């Protein structure tokens, strides 16, 4: 099977990491991949190339798309002769979907079997974009909704919450399938505390409890609620430290540091910025926290669970389906509830937290492995006219 992926860009993000992991898992079945980035080279390009996968750069401008690029993409799709074209995120769904339709028609004229590749769209955002989230994005999403009955053979959603919101936004419900993201359980796994690089880097005692949060600095992540919760938790657990990892979570972020200073928690917070070793750092947490207002299937929660770390997370998207009974779910935007959830886990002894962590790891292995995820993608790719689901069981 040859799969061509068309993606908006190759920064480090949930969809981009999912693409990387899917390629890794599927190569064991002899699947050949080509990745086409609509924008420029970025962080994930070399990581994908390291897997022996060709990465092509279309070089479109985000501010002023060039229609001529459409014909270059069409030419590439005809040349590559894929069995499946998988697009990732709205701009790629729209632009790549139109190009795929033209390529399928053009190729089919010369040789019928070359025009039969399957087109799969990818939805990786929970909420259907509104004008508040950006005029351009909202317009692109509206066009995608209108074309969803005409272009894609199937629309793969990363979460059931994403499917529901996009159906409400006008997407074709009969073409939508839910395949929960899969996780690399060999990379994200529990590690011994005596080999903990995080406490060593921060100069913390091995017995110091750490509450961690991971993610880019973005309004949807609601770091204001997290910081308010930290102030409450710190008053009850003064020896605990709170580590924030991700793009924009560093001392140069004046808005963030101002919030921390106003909350009076500068001494207990550690801002590390982005890291390529999240899989090593995350396993050092005693508790993982998610404070988001909006998520699909939150990748960082699944990664923490795979590391054997119990989680406190806001009840957004399909977080409940991911966590089950292995952690604490709290309402979004409620710092008191978030603080109470964190304290309830910190109050357990180490064995109690480790037991919850083992349960979380077992849940990930049985329901959310990347191998199971790829098997679901492969089934959707190879079967026509039949519905498939993955991971929707919320028990």
Protein backbone atom coordinates (compact mmCIF):
# COMPACT_ATOMS: atom_id res chain seq x y z
CA UNK A 1 0.00 0.00 0.00
CA UNK A 2 1.28 3.47 -0.89
CA UNK A 3 -0.05 6.38 1.16
CA UNK A 4 0.50 10.05 0.37
CA UNK A 5 -0.06 12.39 3.32
CA UNK A 6 -0.84 16.06 2.71
CA UNK A 7 -0.44 18.17 5.84
CA UNK A 8 -0.65 21.91 6.48
CA UNK A 9 2.81 22.07 8.09
CA UNK A 10 5.36 20.07 10.04
CA UNK A 11 5.74 21.89 13.35
CA UNK A 12 5.65 19.78 16.51
CA UNK A 13 2.00 19.30 17.38
CA UNK A 14 -0.54 16.59 18.14
CA UNK A 15 -1.50 15.88 14.52
CA UNK A 16 2.11 16.00 13.33
CA UNK A 17 3.24 13.57 16.05
CA UNK A 18 0.32 11.29 15.23
CA UNK A 19 1.44 11.23 11.58
CA UNK A 20 4.99 10.34 12.64
CA UNK A 21 3.83 7.51 14.91
CA UNK A 22 1.42 6.14 12.31
CA UNK A 23 4.23 5.97 9.76
CA UNK A 24 6.44 4.15 12.27
CA UNK A 25 3.77 1.55 13.08
CA UNK A 26 2.66 0.95 9.48
CA UNK A 27 6.15 0.46 8.07
CA UNK A 28 6.17 -2.95 9.75
CA UNK A 29 3.47 -3.94 7.25
CA UNK A 30 5.54 -2.77 4.29
CA UNK A 31 3.47 0.37 3.71
CA UNK A 32 5.23 3.08 1.69
CA UNK A 33 4.64 6.71 2.63
CA UNK A 34 5.26 10.11 1.09
CA UNK A 35 4.59 13.27 3.11
CA UNK A 36 3.76 16.56 1.41
CA UNK A 37 3.91 19.68 3.58
CA UNK A 38 1.93 22.59 2.20
CA UNK A 39 4.18 25.14 3.92
CA UNK A 40 7.91 25.12 4.61
CA UNK A 41 10.38 22.77 6.26
CA UNK A 42 10.00 22.54 10.01
CA UNK A 43 10.93 20.52 13.08
CA UNK A 44 9.18 17.27 12.14
CA UNK A 45 10.55 17.12 8.59
CA UNK A 46 13.87 15.55 9.52
CA UNK A 47 12.29 13.20 12.04
CA UNK A 48 10.00 11.84 9.34
CA UNK A 49 12.86 11.64 6.84
CA UNK A 50 14.85 9.64 9.39
CA UNK A 51 12.25 6.89 8.94
CA UNK A 52 13.25 6.63 5.27
CA UNK A 53 10.16 8.54 4.12
CA UNK A 54 10.23 11.11 1.33
CA UNK A 55 9.11 14.59 2.44
CA UNK A 56 8.16 17.10 -0.24
CA UNK A 57 7.65 20.79 0.47
CA UNK A 58 4.97 22.58 -1.53
CA UNK A 59 6.08 25.97 -0.16
CA UNK A 60 2.73 27.72 0.00
CA UNK A 61 2.50 31.06 1.79
CA UNK A 62 0.12 31.00 4.76
CA UNK A 63 -0.90 34.62 4.13
CA UNK A 64 -1.38 34.52 0.35
CA UNK A 65 -1.85 31.00 -1.12
CA UNK A 66 -0.70 30.63 -4.72
CA UNK A 67 -3.26 28.81 -6.91
CA UNK A 68 -0.42 27.55 -9.12
CA UNK A 69 0.66 25.38 -6.21
CA UNK A 70 -2.57 23.42 -6.66
CA UNK A 71 -1.38 22.15 -10.05
CA UNK A 72 2.01 21.20 -8.63
CA UNK A 73 0.24 19.12 -5.97
CA UNK A 74 -2.00 17.53 -8.63
CA UNK A 75 1.10 16.63 -10.67
CA UNK A 76 2.75 15.07 -7.62
CA UNK A 77 -0.33 12.99 -6.79
CA UNK A 78 -0.59 11.70 -10.35
CA UNK A 79 3.15 10.91 -10.33
CA UNK A 80 3.11 9.10 -6.97
CA UNK A 81 0.13 6.87 -7.85
CA UNK A 82 -1.08 6.40 -4.26
CA UNK A 83 -3.60 3.87 -3.01
CA UNK A 84 -4.64 6.37 -0.32
CA UNK A 85 -4.34 10.13 0.03
CA UNK A 86 -4.64 11.15 3.69
CA UNK A 87 -5.00 14.86 4.42
CA UNK A 88 -4.37 16.35 7.85
CA UNK A 89 -6.22 19.43 9.20
CA UNK A 90 -8.52 21.94 7.50
CA UNK A 91 -6.26 23.68 4.98
CA UNK A 92 -4.85 20.38 3.78
CA UNK A 93 -8.33 18.83 3.69
CA UNK A 94 -9.59 21.64 1.47
CA UNK A 95 -6.57 22.21 -0.78
CA UNK A 96 -5.43 18.59 -0.81
CA UNK A 97 -8.99 17.37 -1.30
CA UNK A 98 -9.51 19.51 -4.41
CA UNK A 99 -6.11 18.46 -5.77
CA UNK A 100 -6.90 14.79 -5.12
CA UNK A 101 -10.22 15.05 -6.96
CA UNK A 102 -8.50 16.61 -9.99
CA UNK A 103 -5.65 14.07 -9.85
CA UNK A 104 -8.06 11.16 -9.60
CA UNK A 105 -9.96 12.38 -12.63
CA UNK A 106 -6.81 13.16 -14.64
CA UNK A 107 -5.13 9.85 -13.84
CA UNK A 108 -8.28 7.87 -14.50
CA UNK A 109 -8.45 9.10 -18.08
CA UNK A 110 -5.16 7.48 -18.95
CA UNK A 111 -5.40 4.29 -16.95
CA UNK A 112 -8.55 3.51 -15.03
CA UNK A 113 -6.99 1.72 -12.09
CA UNK A 114 -4.72 4.70 -11.40
CA UNK A 115 -7.74 6.89 -10.65
CA UNK A 116 -9.17 4.78 -7.85
CA UNK A 117 -7.17 5.92 -4.82
CA UNK A 118 -9.09 6.55 -1.61
CA UNK A 119 -9.23 10.06 -0.14
CA UNK A 120 -9.36 10.37 3.65
CA UNK A 121 -9.69 13.68 5.45
CA UNK A 122 -8.39 14.14 9.00
CA UNK A 123 -10.15 16.16 11.71
CA UNK A 124 -7.82 16.85 14.65
CA UNK A 125 -9.60 19.71 16.41
CA UNK A 126 -12.46 19.25 18.84
CA UNK A 127 -14.50 22.38 18.30
CA UNK A 128 -15.74 23.37 14.86
CA UNK A 129 -14.00 26.73 14.24
CA UNK A 130 -16.02 29.88 14.78
CA UNK A 131 -15.19 33.42 13.70
CA UNK A 132 -13.80 33.99 17.20
CA UNK A 133 -11.11 31.41 16.54
CA UNK A 134 -10.00 33.24 13.38
CA UNK A 135 -11.84 34.39 10.28
CA UNK A 136 -9.65 32.54 7.77
CA UNK A 137 -9.81 29.25 9.65
CA UNK A 138 -13.57 29.53 10.09
CA UNK A 139 -14.06 30.18 6.35
CA UNK A 140 -11.84 27.22 5.40
CA UNK A 141 -13.76 24.97 7.81
CA UNK A 142 -17.07 26.12 6.31
CA UNK A 143 -15.84 25.25 2.83
CA UNK A 144 -14.72 21.85 4.13
CA UNK A 145 -18.17 21.24 5.61
CA UNK A 146 -19.81 22.12 2.28
CA UNK A 147 -17.44 19.85 0.34
CA UNK A 148 -17.54 16.99 2.84
CA UNK A 149 -20.32 15.27 0.86
CA UNK A 150 -18.41 15.69 -2.41
CA UNK A 151 -14.67 15.18 -1.92
CA UNK A 152 -13.59 12.69 0.77
CA UNK A 153 -14.41 8.99 0.80
CA UNK A 154 -14.04 9.01 4.58
CA UNK A 155 -13.42 11.63 7.28
CA UNK A 156 -11.33 10.35 10.19
CA UNK A 157 -11.84 12.15 13.52
CA UNK A 158 -9.41 11.90 16.42
CA UNK A 159 -12.22 11.95 18.99
CA UNK A 160 -15.96 11.40 19.25
CA UNK A 161 -16.36 14.95 20.54
CA UNK A 162 -14.71 16.20 17.34
CA UNK A 163 -17.11 14.14 15.23
CA UNK A 164 -20.16 15.54 17.04
CA UNK A 165 -19.08 19.20 16.81
CA UNK A 166 -18.20 18.91 13.12
CA UNK A 167 -21.47 17.23 12.24
CA UNK A 168 -23.18 20.18 13.94
CA UNK A 169 -20.94 22.45 11.83
CA UNK A 170 -22.26 20.87 8.63
CA UNK A 171 -19.92 17.94 7.97
CA UNK A 172 -21.37 14.83 6.34
CA UNK A 173 -22.15 12.49 9.23
CA UNK A 174 -22.25 9.31 7.13
CA UNK A 175 -18.62 9.70 6.04
CA UNK A 176 -17.17 10.29 9.50
CA UNK A 177 -15.28 7.65 11.47
CA UNK A 178 -13.66 7.96 14.89
CA UNK A 179 -10.17 6.56 15.32
CA UNK A 180 -8.62 7.57 18.59
CA UNK A 181 -4.96 8.54 18.46
CA UNK A 182 -2.50 5.78 19.23
CA UNK A 183 0.52 6.08 21.52
CA UNK A 184 4.08 4.78 21.39
CA UNK A 185 4.26 2.66 24.53
CA UNK A 186 7.94 1.87 23.99
CA UNK A 187 8.88 5.56 24.08
CA UNK A 188 6.45 6.64 26.79
CA UNK A 189 6.90 4.25 29.67
CA UNK A 190 7.58 4.27 33.43
CA UNK A 191 11.17 4.85 34.45
CA UNK A 192 13.08 4.38 37.70
CA UNK A 193 13.25 7.44 39.90
CA UNK A 194 16.96 6.97 40.54
CA UNK A 195 17.56 7.71 36.82
CA UNK A 196 15.29 10.78 36.85
CA UNK A 197 16.83 13.57 34.71
CA UNK A 198 14.19 16.15 35.67
CA UNK A 199 14.93 16.37 39.39
CA UNK A 200 18.64 16.33 38.63
CA UNK A 201 18.32 19.21 36.14
CA UNK A 202 16.19 21.26 38.53
CA UNK A 203 18.26 20.44 41.61
CA UNK A 204 15.34 18.82 43.42
CA UNK A 205 15.51 16.14 46.07
CA UNK A 206 14.36 12.67 44.92
CA UNK A 207 11.55 12.81 47.50
CA UNK A 208 10.17 16.12 46.20
CA UNK A 209 6.69 15.75 44.71
CA UNK A 210 6.27 17.17 41.22
CA UNK A 211 3.06 18.19 39.49
CA UNK A 212 3.68 18.65 35.77
CA UNK A 213 1.86 20.21 32.87
CA UNK A 214 2.91 19.94 29.21
CA UNK A 215 1.69 21.90 26.20
CA UNK A 216 2.23 25.03 24.14
CA UNK A 217 1.24 28.42 25.54
CA UNK A 218 -2.23 28.94 24.07
CA UNK A 219 -5.56 30.31 25.38
CA UNK A 220 -7.18 26.90 24.87
CA UNK A 221 -4.76 25.38 27.42
CA UNK A 222 -6.05 27.82 30.11
CA UNK A 223 -2.84 28.29 32.07
CA UNK A 224 -4.58 30.97 34.12
CA UNK A 225 -6.75 28.30 35.73
CA UNK A 226 -3.70 26.08 36.28
CA UNK A 227 -1.79 28.89 37.99
CA UNK A 228 -4.75 29.72 40.23
CA UNK A 229 -4.97 26.04 41.17
CA UNK A 230 -1.23 25.91 41.89
CA UNK A 231 -1.59 28.78 44.38
CA UNK A 232 -4.23 26.77 46.25
CA UNK A 233 -2.30 23.51 46.15
CA UNK A 234 0.95 25.13 47.24
CA UNK A 235 -0.72 26.48 50.36
CA UNK A 236 -1.57 22.88 51.35
CA UNK A 237 1.52 21.16 49.89
CA UNK A 238 4.33 23.73 50.37
CA UNK A 239 7.10 21.26 49.47
CA UNK A 240 5.56 20.37 46.09
CA UNK A 241 7.02 21.82 42.88
CA UNK A 242 5.17 22.59 39.65
CA UNK A 243 6.94 22.07 36.33
CA UNK A 244 5.65 23.60 33.08
CA UNK A 245 7.03 22.20 29.81
CA UNK A 246 6.19 23.42 26.32
CA UNK A 247 6.63 26.08 23.67
CA UNK A 248 6.15 29.49 25.28
CA UNK A 249 6.39 28.17 28.84
CA UNK A 250 9.61 29.94 29.70
CA UNK A 251 10.90 33.07 31.41
CA UNK A 252 10.67 35.12 28.21
CA UNK A 253 6.87 34.86 28.30
CA UNK A 254 6.03 38.06 30.19
CA UNK A 255 2.31 37.39 30.26
CA UNK A 256 2.84 34.00 31.89
CA UNK A 257 5.45 35.17 34.39
CA UNK A 258 3.21 38.09 35.36
CA UNK A 259 0.40 35.66 36.18
CA UNK A 260 2.78 33.56 38.25
CA UNK A 261 4.05 36.61 40.15
CA UNK A 262 0.52 37.86 40.84
CA UNK A 263 -0.35 34.43 42.26
CA UNK A 264 2.75 34.56 44.48
CA UNK A 265 4.06 31.16 43.35
CA UNK A 266 7.32 32.07 41.61
CA UNK A 267 9.36 30.03 44.13
CA UNK A 268 7.49 26.79 43.47
CA UNK A 269 7.17 26.99 39.66
CA UNK A 270 9.76 25.83 37.16
CA UNK A 271 9.44 26.92 33.51
CA UNK A 272 11.49 24.75 31.15
CA UNK A 273 10.21 25.78 27.72
CA UNK A 274 9.99 23.28 24.88
CA UNK A 275 11.85 19.96 25.15
CA UNK A 276 12.69 17.06 22.86
CA UNK A 277 12.85 14.75 25.88
CA UNK A 278 9.28 14.99 27.13
CA UNK A 279 9.11 11.18 27.31
CA UNK A 280 11.96 11.21 29.82
CA UNK A 281 10.80 14.21 31.84
CA UNK A 282 7.13 13.23 32.06
CA UNK A 283 7.86 9.92 33.77
CA UNK A 284 9.35 11.90 36.69
CA UNK A 285 6.01 13.55 37.53
CA UNK A 286 4.04 12.39 40.56
CA UNK A 287 0.88 13.92 39.07
CA UNK A 288 0.14 15.17 35.57
CA UNK A 289 -2.31 18.05 35.08
CA UNK A 290 -4.40 19.16 32.10
CA UNK A 291 -6.24 22.47 32.49
CA UNK A 292 -7.52 22.87 28.91
CA UNK A 293 -10.81 24.45 27.90
CA UNK A 294 -10.89 22.46 24.67
CA UNK A 295 -9.32 19.20 23.51
CA UNK A 296 -10.08 16.30 21.20
CA UNK A 297 -8.27 13.31 22.61
CA UNK A 298 -5.50 15.03 24.62
CA UNK A 299 -2.20 13.52 23.54
CA UNK A 300 -0.31 14.66 26.63
CA UNK A 301 -2.75 12.88 28.96
CA UNK A 302 -2.28 9.63 27.04
CA UNK A 303 1.50 10.06 27.15
CA UNK A 304 1.45 10.66 30.91
CA UNK A 305 -0.75 7.60 31.41
CA UNK A 306 1.64 5.51 29.30
CA UNK A 307 4.44 6.72 31.62
CA UNK A 308 2.48 5.41 34.59
CA UNK A 309 1.60 8.87 35.92
CA UNK A 310 -1.89 9.48 37.38
CA UNK A 311 -3.66 12.48 35.87
CA UNK A 312 -5.96 15.29 36.91
CA UNK A 313 -7.66 16.64 33.81
CA UNK A 314 -10.52 18.86 32.77
CA UNK A 315 -13.54 17.03 31.39
CA UNK A 316 -13.24 18.26 27.81
CA UNK A 317 -13.41 16.42 24.50
CA UNK A 318 -12.87 12.68 24.94
CA UNK A 319 -10.62 12.97 27.99
CA UNK A 320 -13.08 10.89 30.04
CA UNK A 321 -12.98 8.09 27.46
CA UNK A 322 -9.19 8.15 27.58
CA UNK A 323 -8.73 8.21 31.36
CA UNK A 324 -11.52 5.96 32.56
CA UNK A 325 -11.21 5.53 36.33
CA UNK A 326 -7.44 5.96 36.50
CA UNK A 327 -7.35 9.63 37.55
CA UNK A 328 -9.47 12.64 38.45
CA UNK A 329 -11.79 14.50 36.05
CA UNK A 330 -12.80 18.06 36.93
CA UNK A 331 -14.85 20.79 35.21
CA UNK A 332 -12.93 23.17 32.95
CA UNK A 333 -12.33 26.74 34.10
CA UNK A 334 -12.68 25.81 37.81
CA UNK A 335 -9.38 26.33 39.69
CA UNK A 336 -10.85 25.12 43.00
CA UNK A 337 -11.93 21.82 41.47
CA UNK A 338 -8.59 21.44 39.70
CA UNK A 339 -6.71 22.11 42.94
CA UNK A 340 -8.89 19.62 44.82
CA UNK A 341 -8.17 16.95 42.21
CA UNK A 342 -4.42 17.55 42.44
CA UNK A 343 -4.45 17.49 46.25
CA UNK A 344 -6.46 14.26 46.28
CA UNK A 345 -3.68 12.53 44.34
CA UNK A 346 -0.81 14.16 46.21
CA UNK A 347 -2.44 13.03 49.47
CA UNK A 348 -2.06 9.39 48.45
CA UNK A 349 1.15 7.66 49.46
CA UNK A 350 3.59 6.78 46.72
CA UNK A 351 2.25 3.24 46.41
CA UNK A 352 -1.29 4.59 45.96
CA UNK A 353 -0.19 6.90 43.13
CA UNK A 354 1.90 4.16 41.54
CA UNK A 355 -1.07 1.78 41.61
CA UNK A 356 -3.19 4.34 39.74
CA UNK A 357 -0.30 4.82 37.35
CA UNK A 358 -0.12 1.09 36.67
CA UNK A 359 -3.84 1.05 35.94
CA UNK A 360 -3.39 3.97 33.55
CA UNK A 361 -0.52 2.21 31.74
CA UNK A 362 -2.58 -0.98 31.42
CA UNK A 363 -5.51 0.99 29.96
CA UNK A 364 -3.25 2.58 27.36
CA UNK A 365 -1.76 -0.77 26.37
CA UNK A 366 -5.15 -2.46 25.98
CA UNK A 367 -7.03 0.33 24.20
CA UNK A 368 -4.76 3.04 22.81
CA UNK A 369 -1.58 1.51 21.43
CA UNK A 370 -0.29 2.85 18.11
CA UNK A 371 -0.52 -0.68 16.72
CA UNK A 372 -4.25 -0.83 17.40
CA UNK A 373 -4.68 2.65 15.96
CA UNK A 374 -2.86 1.72 12.75
CA UNK A 375 -4.96 -1.45 12.40
CA UNK A 376 -8.07 0.75 12.44
CA UNK A 377 -6.63 3.16 9.86
CA UNK A 378 -5.68 0.23 7.64
CA UNK A 379 -9.18 -1.20 7.88
CA UNK A 380 -10.76 2.13 6.94
CA UNK A 381 -8.33 2.56 4.04
CA UNK A 382 -8.97 -0.88 2.60
CA UNK A 383 -12.74 -1.21 3.01
CA UNK A 384 -15.39 0.77 1.19
CA UNK A 385 -18.97 1.44 2.16
CA UNK A 386 -18.68 0.12 5.72
CA UNK A 387 -18.53 1.99 9.04
CA UNK A 388 -15.70 1.49 11.48
CA UNK A 389 -15.11 2.83 14.96
CA UNK A 390 -12.23 2.72 17.38
CA UNK A 391 -12.07 3.44 21.07
CA UNK A 392 -15.53 4.93 21.54
CA UNK A 393 -16.31 2.66 24.50
CA UNK A 394 -16.28 5.02 27.52
CA UNK A 395 -16.19 2.37 30.25
